């Protein structure tokens, strides 16, 4: 589809935010390589769960947001998050130091809007993105925080038996 034929996001979505921990202390070559590899791991994780056009990957410096915009894709967002976490924990690439990178992740659902930004590029924003960003700010290294709203909307009734959640 051409860019003008694509339907823009405007509604409730699952949002997976991620942030590469200690990105700024990596040498420049490793910063570039880490972003390239995280992006590759994201695309592999999405493909692993048969999610294609239902997701927008939006960069944000040393991390970004995956916005899942269909109900089936939203239900699989947690699977993508765990697959991505596994790829980070057992990487096929590491920085020159030999120490693997870590990521913080937050999963939320909320309203997201897609439209042109000041540079005339497509961008996403809204309460779903803002809240996910705040979740990332409190997430610890190598941690995935799942916000109650995502859990109640996409996991509680439909998939709770698939997961073991702590209290």
N, C-alpha and C. Protein backbone atom coordinates (compact mmCIF):
# COMPACT_ATOMS: atom_id res chain seq x y z
N UNK A 1 0.84 -1.19 0.00
CA UNK A 1 0.00 0.00 0.00
C UNK A 1 0.87 1.24 0.00
N UNK A 2 0.39 2.27 -0.67
CA UNK A 2 1.11 3.54 -0.62
C UNK A 2 0.82 4.21 0.71
N UNK A 3 1.66 5.17 1.08
CA UNK A 3 1.49 5.87 2.36
C UNK A 3 0.10 6.51 2.46
N UNK A 4 -0.40 7.06 1.37
CA UNK A 4 -1.70 7.74 1.42
C UNK A 4 -2.85 6.75 1.54
N UNK A 5 -2.65 5.48 1.14
CA UNK A 5 -3.70 4.46 1.23
C UNK A 5 -3.77 3.81 2.61
N UNK A 6 -2.72 3.94 3.41
CA UNK A 6 -2.70 3.31 4.72
C UNK A 6 -3.65 4.01 5.67
N UNK A 7 -4.36 3.21 6.46
CA UNK A 7 -5.26 3.76 7.47
C UNK A 7 -4.42 4.25 8.65
N UNK A 8 -4.68 5.46 9.10
CA UNK A 8 -3.97 6.03 10.23
C UNK A 8 -4.56 5.50 11.53
N UNK A 9 -3.70 5.34 12.54
CA UNK A 9 -4.16 4.90 13.86
C UNK A 9 -4.91 6.04 14.53
N UNK A 10 -6.05 5.71 15.09
CA UNK A 10 -6.82 6.70 15.83
C UNK A 10 -7.76 5.95 16.76
N UNK A 11 -7.28 5.58 17.94
CA UNK A 11 -8.12 4.86 18.88
C UNK A 11 -7.29 4.14 19.91
N UNK A 12 -7.92 3.16 20.55
CA UNK A 12 -7.25 2.42 21.61
C UNK A 12 -6.30 1.38 21.02
N UNK A 13 -5.09 1.34 21.56
CA UNK A 13 -4.05 0.43 21.10
C UNK A 13 -3.28 -0.12 22.29
N UNK A 14 -2.60 -1.22 22.07
CA UNK A 14 -1.61 -1.68 23.04
C UNK A 14 -0.30 -1.00 22.65
N UNK A 15 0.44 -0.54 23.64
CA UNK A 15 1.70 0.15 23.38
C UNK A 15 2.80 -0.51 24.21
N UNK A 16 3.82 -1.00 23.52
CA UNK A 16 4.99 -1.57 24.18
C UNK A 16 6.14 -0.57 24.02
N UNK A 17 6.56 0.00 25.13
CA UNK A 17 7.68 0.93 25.11
C UNK A 17 8.94 0.20 25.53
N UNK A 18 10.07 0.58 24.94
CA UNK A 18 11.33 -0.02 25.35
C UNK A 18 12.43 1.02 25.30
N UNK A 19 13.41 0.79 26.16
CA UNK A 19 14.50 1.74 26.33
C UNK A 19 15.78 0.93 26.57
N UNK A 20 16.83 1.22 25.80
CA UNK A 20 18.12 0.55 26.00
C UNK A 20 18.79 1.19 27.21
N UNK A 21 19.09 0.38 28.21
CA UNK A 21 19.69 0.85 29.45
C UNK A 21 21.15 1.21 29.22
N UNK A 22 21.59 2.33 29.79
CA UNK A 22 22.98 2.80 29.72
C UNK A 22 23.48 2.97 28.29
N UNK A 23 22.57 3.31 27.40
CA UNK A 23 22.89 3.51 25.98
C UNK A 23 24.01 4.54 25.79
N UNK A 24 23.92 5.65 26.51
CA UNK A 24 24.84 6.77 26.29
C UNK A 24 26.28 6.46 26.68
N UNK A 25 26.51 5.42 27.47
CA UNK A 25 27.89 5.10 27.83
C UNK A 25 28.53 4.09 26.88
N UNK A 26 27.75 3.60 25.91
CA UNK A 26 28.32 2.70 24.91
C UNK A 26 29.16 3.52 23.91
N UNK A 27 30.22 2.94 23.38
CA UNK A 27 30.94 3.63 22.28
C UNK A 27 29.98 3.84 21.11
N UNK A 28 30.24 4.86 20.31
CA UNK A 28 29.33 5.23 19.22
C UNK A 28 29.00 4.06 18.30
N UNK A 29 30.00 3.27 17.93
CA UNK A 29 29.76 2.13 17.03
C UNK A 29 28.79 1.14 17.68
N UNK A 30 28.92 0.93 18.98
CA UNK A 30 28.01 0.02 19.69
C UNK A 30 26.62 0.62 19.86
N UNK A 31 26.53 1.95 19.98
CA UNK A 31 25.22 2.59 20.03
C UNK A 31 24.46 2.31 18.74
N UNK A 32 25.13 2.53 17.61
CA UNK A 32 24.52 2.30 16.31
C UNK A 32 24.14 0.83 16.15
N UNK A 33 25.07 -0.05 16.49
CA UNK A 33 24.82 -1.49 16.36
C UNK A 33 23.72 -1.95 17.30
N UNK A 34 23.65 -1.38 18.50
CA UNK A 34 22.61 -1.80 19.44
C UNK A 34 21.23 -1.45 18.91
N UNK A 35 21.07 -0.27 18.35
CA UNK A 35 19.77 0.13 17.79
C UNK A 35 19.42 -0.75 16.60
N UNK A 36 20.39 -1.03 15.73
CA UNK A 36 20.14 -1.90 14.57
C UNK A 36 19.72 -3.29 15.03
N UNK A 37 20.39 -3.83 16.03
CA UNK A 37 20.07 -5.17 16.51
C UNK A 37 18.75 -5.22 17.27
N UNK A 38 18.46 -4.21 18.08
CA UNK A 38 17.18 -4.17 18.78
C UNK A 38 16.05 -4.10 17.74
N UNK A 39 16.22 -3.29 16.71
CA UNK A 39 15.20 -3.21 15.66
C UNK A 39 15.02 -4.57 14.98
N UNK A 40 16.12 -5.25 14.70
CA UNK A 40 16.05 -6.58 14.09
C UNK A 40 15.33 -7.55 15.02
N UNK A 41 15.65 -7.50 16.32
CA UNK A 41 14.99 -8.38 17.29
C UNK A 41 13.50 -8.08 17.37
N UNK A 42 13.14 -6.81 17.25
CA UNK A 42 11.72 -6.43 17.25
C UNK A 42 11.02 -7.05 16.04
N UNK A 43 11.60 -6.87 14.84
CA UNK A 43 10.95 -7.39 13.64
C UNK A 43 10.88 -8.92 13.68
N UNK A 44 11.91 -9.57 14.22
CA UNK A 44 11.87 -11.03 14.37
C UNK A 44 10.78 -11.44 15.37
N UNK A 45 10.65 -10.70 16.46
CA UNK A 45 9.63 -11.01 17.47
C UNK A 45 8.23 -10.83 16.90
N UNK A 46 8.01 -9.78 16.13
CA UNK A 46 6.71 -9.56 15.50
C UNK A 46 6.41 -10.69 14.51
N UNK A 47 7.38 -11.04 13.69
CA UNK A 47 7.19 -12.13 12.72
C UNK A 47 6.93 -13.46 13.42
N UNK A 48 7.60 -13.67 14.53
CA UNK A 48 7.44 -14.90 15.32
C UNK A 48 5.99 -15.10 15.75
N UNK A 49 5.27 -14.00 15.94
CA UNK A 49 3.88 -14.06 16.39
C UNK A 49 2.90 -13.65 15.29
N UNK A 50 3.38 -13.73 14.04
CA UNK A 50 2.55 -13.45 12.85
C UNK A 50 1.88 -12.08 12.90
N UNK A 51 2.62 -11.09 13.35
CA UNK A 51 2.10 -9.72 13.38
C UNK A 51 2.86 -8.93 12.31
N UNK A 52 2.10 -8.38 11.37
CA UNK A 52 2.75 -7.66 10.27
C UNK A 52 2.31 -6.20 10.25
N UNK A 53 1.30 -5.89 9.50
CA UNK A 53 0.90 -4.49 9.33
C UNK A 53 0.12 -3.91 10.50
N UNK A 54 -0.18 -4.73 11.52
CA UNK A 54 -0.97 -4.23 12.64
C UNK A 54 -0.13 -3.47 13.65
N UNK A 55 1.13 -3.22 13.36
CA UNK A 55 2.02 -2.61 14.34
C UNK A 55 2.84 -1.51 13.69
N UNK A 56 3.03 -0.43 14.45
CA UNK A 56 3.93 0.65 14.03
C UNK A 56 5.08 0.68 15.01
N UNK A 57 6.30 0.68 14.49
CA UNK A 57 7.48 0.82 15.33
C UNK A 57 7.94 2.26 15.19
N UNK A 58 7.93 2.99 16.30
CA UNK A 58 8.30 4.41 16.31
C UNK A 58 9.55 4.58 17.16
N UNK A 59 10.61 5.06 16.55
CA UNK A 59 11.87 5.26 17.26
C UNK A 59 11.74 6.44 18.22
N UNK A 60 12.53 6.37 19.28
CA UNK A 60 12.56 7.45 20.25
C UNK A 60 13.93 7.51 20.90
N UNK A 61 14.93 7.94 20.17
CA UNK A 61 16.28 8.03 20.73
C UNK A 61 16.87 6.65 20.94
N UNK A 62 17.08 6.27 22.21
CA UNK A 62 17.69 4.98 22.52
C UNK A 62 16.64 3.92 22.84
N UNK A 63 15.47 4.08 22.27
CA UNK A 63 14.39 3.14 22.46
C UNK A 63 13.27 3.48 21.51
N UNK A 64 12.05 3.21 21.93
CA UNK A 64 10.93 3.53 21.08
C UNK A 64 9.65 2.87 21.56
N UNK A 65 8.66 2.87 20.68
CA UNK A 65 7.34 2.35 21.01
C UNK A 65 6.84 1.47 19.87
N UNK A 66 6.24 0.35 20.24
CA UNK A 66 5.53 -0.48 19.28
C UNK A 66 4.05 -0.28 19.58
N UNK A 67 3.31 0.13 18.58
CA UNK A 67 1.88 0.39 18.74
C UNK A 67 1.12 -0.69 17.98
N UNK A 68 0.37 -1.50 18.72
CA UNK A 68 -0.41 -2.60 18.15
C UNK A 68 -1.83 -2.08 17.96
N UNK A 69 -2.34 -2.11 16.72
CA UNK A 69 -3.59 -1.41 16.46
C UNK A 69 -4.77 -2.28 16.03
N UNK A 70 -4.69 -3.58 16.25
CA UNK A 70 -5.87 -4.44 16.07
C UNK A 70 -6.02 -5.27 17.34
N UNK A 71 -7.23 -5.72 17.63
CA UNK A 71 -7.46 -6.50 18.85
C UNK A 71 -6.60 -7.77 18.89
N UNK A 72 -6.50 -8.54 17.80
CA UNK A 72 -5.64 -9.73 17.85
C UNK A 72 -4.17 -9.37 18.11
N UNK A 73 -3.69 -8.32 17.46
CA UNK A 73 -2.30 -7.89 17.68
C UNK A 73 -2.11 -7.40 19.11
N UNK A 74 -3.10 -6.68 19.64
CA UNK A 74 -3.00 -6.18 21.03
C UNK A 74 -2.89 -7.34 22.01
N UNK A 75 -3.65 -8.41 21.78
CA UNK A 75 -3.58 -9.57 22.67
C UNK A 75 -2.20 -10.24 22.61
N UNK A 76 -1.53 -10.14 21.45
CA UNK A 76 -0.22 -10.76 21.27
C UNK A 76 0.93 -9.85 21.71
N UNK A 77 0.65 -8.61 22.07
CA UNK A 77 1.71 -7.67 22.45
C UNK A 77 2.55 -8.22 23.60
N UNK A 78 1.94 -8.88 24.55
CA UNK A 78 2.69 -9.44 25.68
C UNK A 78 3.60 -10.57 25.22
N UNK A 79 3.15 -11.36 24.24
CA UNK A 79 3.99 -12.41 23.69
C UNK A 79 5.22 -11.81 22.98
N UNK A 80 4.98 -10.75 22.24
CA UNK A 80 6.09 -10.05 21.56
C UNK A 80 7.08 -9.54 22.60
N UNK A 81 6.55 -8.96 23.69
CA UNK A 81 7.43 -8.42 24.75
C UNK A 81 8.30 -9.52 25.35
N UNK A 82 7.70 -10.68 25.66
CA UNK A 82 8.49 -11.77 26.24
C UNK A 82 9.49 -12.35 25.23
N UNK A 83 9.12 -12.44 23.97
CA UNK A 83 10.04 -12.92 22.94
C UNK A 83 11.21 -11.94 22.80
N UNK A 84 10.91 -10.66 22.79
CA UNK A 84 11.95 -9.64 22.70
C UNK A 84 12.87 -9.70 23.92
N UNK A 85 12.29 -9.87 25.11
CA UNK A 85 13.10 -9.98 26.33
C UNK A 85 14.03 -11.19 26.25
N UNK A 86 13.55 -12.28 25.68
CA UNK A 86 14.39 -13.47 25.54
C UNK A 86 15.53 -13.22 24.55
N UNK A 87 15.25 -12.51 23.47
CA UNK A 87 16.30 -12.19 22.49
C UNK A 87 17.37 -11.30 23.11
N UNK A 88 16.96 -10.39 23.98
CA UNK A 88 17.92 -9.52 24.66
C UNK A 88 18.74 -10.32 25.69
N UNK A 89 18.07 -11.24 26.37
CA UNK A 89 18.75 -12.04 27.39
C UNK A 89 19.70 -13.07 26.78
N UNK A 90 19.36 -13.57 25.60
CA UNK A 90 20.20 -14.56 24.89
C UNK A 90 20.52 -14.02 23.50
N UNK A 91 21.33 -12.95 23.44
CA UNK A 91 21.54 -12.25 22.17
C UNK A 91 22.47 -13.00 21.20
N UNK A 92 22.26 -12.71 19.92
CA UNK A 92 23.18 -13.18 18.89
C UNK A 92 24.18 -12.07 18.52
N UNK A 93 24.13 -10.97 19.28
CA UNK A 93 25.07 -9.85 19.12
C UNK A 93 25.30 -9.25 20.50
N UNK A 94 26.53 -8.86 20.77
CA UNK A 94 26.85 -8.12 21.99
C UNK A 94 27.80 -6.98 21.63
N UNK A 95 27.80 -5.93 22.43
CA UNK A 95 28.75 -4.83 22.20
C UNK A 95 30.20 -5.32 22.31
N UNK A 96 31.11 -4.48 21.86
CA UNK A 96 32.55 -4.83 21.90
C UNK A 96 33.01 -5.22 23.29
N UNK A 97 32.39 -4.69 24.33
CA UNK A 97 32.78 -5.01 25.70
C UNK A 97 32.50 -6.47 26.05
N UNK A 98 31.62 -7.10 25.27
CA UNK A 98 31.25 -8.48 25.53
C UNK A 98 30.07 -8.61 26.48
N UNK A 99 29.66 -7.50 27.11
CA UNK A 99 28.51 -7.52 28.02
C UNK A 99 27.25 -7.22 27.21
N UNK A 100 26.25 -8.05 27.36
CA UNK A 100 25.02 -7.84 26.59
C UNK A 100 24.30 -6.57 27.07
N UNK A 101 23.52 -5.99 26.18
CA UNK A 101 22.74 -4.82 26.54
C UNK A 101 21.52 -5.25 27.36
N UNK A 102 20.93 -4.30 28.05
CA UNK A 102 19.70 -4.52 28.80
C UNK A 102 18.66 -3.53 28.29
N UNK A 103 17.41 -3.92 28.41
CA UNK A 103 16.33 -3.01 28.06
C UNK A 103 15.31 -2.97 29.19
N UNK A 104 14.66 -1.83 29.30
CA UNK A 104 13.49 -1.69 30.17
C UNK A 104 12.28 -1.68 29.24
N UNK A 105 11.18 -2.31 29.69
CA UNK A 105 9.98 -2.33 28.86
C UNK A 105 8.75 -2.05 29.70
N UNK A 106 7.78 -1.42 29.06
CA UNK A 106 6.49 -1.16 29.69
C UNK A 106 5.39 -1.44 28.68
N UNK A 107 4.33 -2.09 29.14
CA UNK A 107 3.21 -2.44 28.26
C UNK A 107 1.93 -1.83 28.81
N UNK A 108 1.24 -1.09 27.96
CA UNK A 108 0.05 -0.35 28.37
C UNK A 108 -0.95 -0.38 27.23
N UNK A 109 -2.17 0.00 27.50
CA UNK A 109 -3.13 0.22 26.42
C UNK A 109 -3.78 1.57 26.65
N UNK A 110 -4.03 2.26 25.57
CA UNK A 110 -4.64 3.58 25.68
C UNK A 110 -4.82 4.20 24.31
N UNK A 111 -5.34 5.40 24.30
CA UNK A 111 -5.62 6.09 23.04
C UNK A 111 -4.33 6.57 22.38
N UNK A 112 -4.24 6.32 21.08
CA UNK A 112 -3.09 6.71 20.28
C UNK A 112 -3.61 7.33 18.99
N UNK A 113 -2.95 8.36 18.55
CA UNK A 113 -3.30 9.05 17.31
C UNK A 113 -2.07 9.09 16.42
N UNK A 114 -2.25 8.86 15.14
CA UNK A 114 -1.16 8.94 14.16
C UNK A 114 -1.48 10.06 13.18
N UNK A 115 -0.52 10.92 12.97
CA UNK A 115 -0.70 12.03 12.02
C UNK A 115 0.67 12.57 11.66
N UNK A 116 0.70 13.57 10.81
CA UNK A 116 1.96 14.19 10.44
C UNK A 116 2.45 15.10 11.55
N UNK A 117 3.78 15.07 11.78
CA UNK A 117 4.37 15.96 12.77
C UNK A 117 4.93 17.19 12.06
N UNK A 118 5.68 18.00 12.79
CA UNK A 118 6.21 19.24 12.21
C UNK A 118 7.12 19.01 11.00
N UNK A 119 7.80 17.88 10.97
CA UNK A 119 8.67 17.56 9.84
C UNK A 119 7.93 16.89 8.70
N UNK A 120 6.60 16.83 8.81
CA UNK A 120 5.74 16.19 7.81
C UNK A 120 5.95 14.67 7.72
N UNK A 121 6.48 14.10 8.78
CA UNK A 121 6.61 12.65 8.86
C UNK A 121 5.47 12.11 9.70
N UNK A 122 5.12 10.85 9.52
CA UNK A 122 4.10 10.23 10.36
C UNK A 122 4.65 10.05 11.75
N UNK A 123 3.84 10.38 12.75
CA UNK A 123 4.25 10.24 14.14
C UNK A 123 3.04 9.78 14.93
N UNK A 124 3.29 9.22 16.12
CA UNK A 124 2.21 8.77 16.98
C UNK A 124 2.32 9.48 18.33
N UNK A 125 1.17 9.77 18.93
CA UNK A 125 1.16 10.39 20.25
C UNK A 125 -0.18 10.12 20.90
N UNK A 126 -0.33 10.52 22.13
CA UNK A 126 -1.58 10.36 22.85
C UNK A 126 -1.34 9.80 24.24
N UNK A 127 -2.42 9.62 24.97
CA UNK A 127 -2.35 9.14 26.34
C UNK A 127 -1.67 7.77 26.40
N UNK A 128 -1.91 6.91 25.42
CA UNK A 128 -1.28 5.59 25.41
C UNK A 128 0.24 5.68 25.37
N UNK A 129 0.75 6.58 24.56
CA UNK A 129 2.20 6.78 24.46
C UNK A 129 2.72 7.45 25.73
N UNK A 130 2.05 8.49 26.18
CA UNK A 130 2.50 9.23 27.37
C UNK A 130 2.58 8.34 28.60
N UNK A 131 1.55 7.53 28.82
CA UNK A 131 1.54 6.66 29.99
C UNK A 131 2.63 5.59 29.88
N UNK A 132 2.79 5.03 28.70
CA UNK A 132 3.84 4.03 28.50
C UNK A 132 5.21 4.63 28.78
N UNK A 133 5.41 5.87 28.37
CA UNK A 133 6.66 6.57 28.65
C UNK A 133 6.91 6.70 30.15
N UNK A 134 5.86 6.98 30.89
CA UNK A 134 6.00 7.09 32.36
C UNK A 134 6.29 5.73 33.00
N UNK A 135 5.70 4.68 32.44
CA UNK A 135 5.98 3.33 32.94
C UNK A 135 7.45 3.00 32.72
N UNK A 136 7.98 3.36 31.57
CA UNK A 136 9.41 3.12 31.28
C UNK A 136 10.30 3.82 32.30
N UNK A 137 9.88 5.00 32.73
CA UNK A 137 10.69 5.78 33.66
C UNK A 137 10.84 5.09 35.02
N UNK A 138 9.90 4.22 35.38
CA UNK A 138 10.00 3.54 36.67
C UNK A 138 10.41 2.07 36.54
N UNK A 139 10.49 1.59 35.31
CA UNK A 139 10.91 0.21 35.08
C UNK A 139 12.39 0.05 35.37
N UNK A 140 12.75 -1.08 35.92
CA UNK A 140 14.16 -1.35 36.21
C UNK A 140 14.83 -2.06 35.05
N UNK A 141 16.12 -2.13 35.09
CA UNK A 141 16.92 -2.82 34.08
C UNK A 141 16.39 -4.25 33.90
N UNK A 142 16.18 -4.65 32.66
CA UNK A 142 15.71 -5.99 32.29
C UNK A 142 14.34 -6.31 32.86
N UNK A 143 13.49 -5.30 33.03
CA UNK A 143 12.17 -5.52 33.60
C UNK A 143 11.09 -5.14 32.59
N UNK A 144 10.02 -5.93 32.58
CA UNK A 144 8.82 -5.62 31.81
C UNK A 144 7.71 -5.33 32.80
N UNK A 145 7.22 -4.10 32.80
CA UNK A 145 6.08 -3.74 33.63
C UNK A 145 4.83 -3.75 32.76
N UNK A 146 3.80 -4.46 33.22
CA UNK A 146 2.54 -4.53 32.50
C UNK A 146 1.52 -3.71 33.28
N UNK A 147 1.01 -2.68 32.66
CA UNK A 147 0.05 -1.78 33.31
C UNK A 147 -1.30 -2.47 33.44
N UNK A 148 -1.98 -2.21 34.53
CA UNK A 148 -3.26 -2.86 34.81
C UNK A 148 -4.26 -2.70 33.67
N UNK A 149 -4.29 -1.55 33.03
CA UNK A 149 -5.25 -1.32 31.95
C UNK A 149 -5.03 -2.30 30.80
N UNK A 150 -3.78 -2.58 30.44
CA UNK A 150 -3.49 -3.57 29.40
C UNK A 150 -3.95 -4.94 29.86
N UNK A 151 -3.57 -5.30 31.08
CA UNK A 151 -3.92 -6.60 31.63
C UNK A 151 -5.43 -6.82 31.61
N UNK A 152 -6.19 -5.86 32.12
CA UNK A 152 -7.65 -6.01 32.20
C UNK A 152 -8.30 -6.05 30.82
N UNK A 153 -7.75 -5.31 29.87
CA UNK A 153 -8.34 -5.25 28.54
C UNK A 153 -8.02 -6.48 27.70
N UNK A 154 -6.77 -6.95 27.75
CA UNK A 154 -6.35 -7.99 26.81
C UNK A 154 -5.95 -9.33 27.42
N UNK A 155 -5.75 -9.39 28.72
CA UNK A 155 -5.27 -10.64 29.33
C UNK A 155 -6.28 -11.26 30.28
N UNK A 156 -6.87 -10.48 31.16
CA UNK A 156 -7.65 -10.99 32.30
C UNK A 156 -8.65 -12.08 31.92
N UNK A 157 -9.52 -11.82 30.98
CA UNK A 157 -10.53 -12.81 30.65
C UNK A 157 -10.10 -13.75 29.53
N UNK A 158 -9.37 -13.24 28.55
CA UNK A 158 -9.07 -14.03 27.38
C UNK A 158 -7.84 -14.93 27.52
N UNK A 159 -6.81 -14.48 28.28
CA UNK A 159 -5.55 -15.21 28.23
C UNK A 159 -4.93 -15.48 29.59
N UNK A 160 -5.60 -15.19 30.67
CA UNK A 160 -5.00 -15.31 32.00
C UNK A 160 -4.40 -16.70 32.24
N UNK A 161 -5.03 -17.73 31.73
CA UNK A 161 -4.53 -19.09 31.94
C UNK A 161 -3.16 -19.31 31.28
N UNK A 162 -2.80 -18.47 30.30
CA UNK A 162 -1.52 -18.61 29.60
C UNK A 162 -0.34 -18.08 30.41
N UNK A 163 -0.61 -17.29 31.47
CA UNK A 163 0.45 -16.63 32.20
C UNK A 163 0.35 -16.87 33.69
N UNK A 164 1.48 -16.73 34.35
CA UNK A 164 1.52 -16.81 35.80
C UNK A 164 1.95 -15.44 36.30
N UNK A 165 1.05 -14.71 36.94
CA UNK A 165 1.34 -13.35 37.39
C UNK A 165 1.55 -13.33 38.89
N UNK A 166 2.54 -12.56 39.32
CA UNK A 166 2.78 -12.38 40.75
C UNK A 166 1.79 -11.40 41.33
N UNK A 167 1.70 -11.36 42.65
CA UNK A 167 0.77 -10.42 43.27
C UNK A 167 1.50 -9.23 43.82
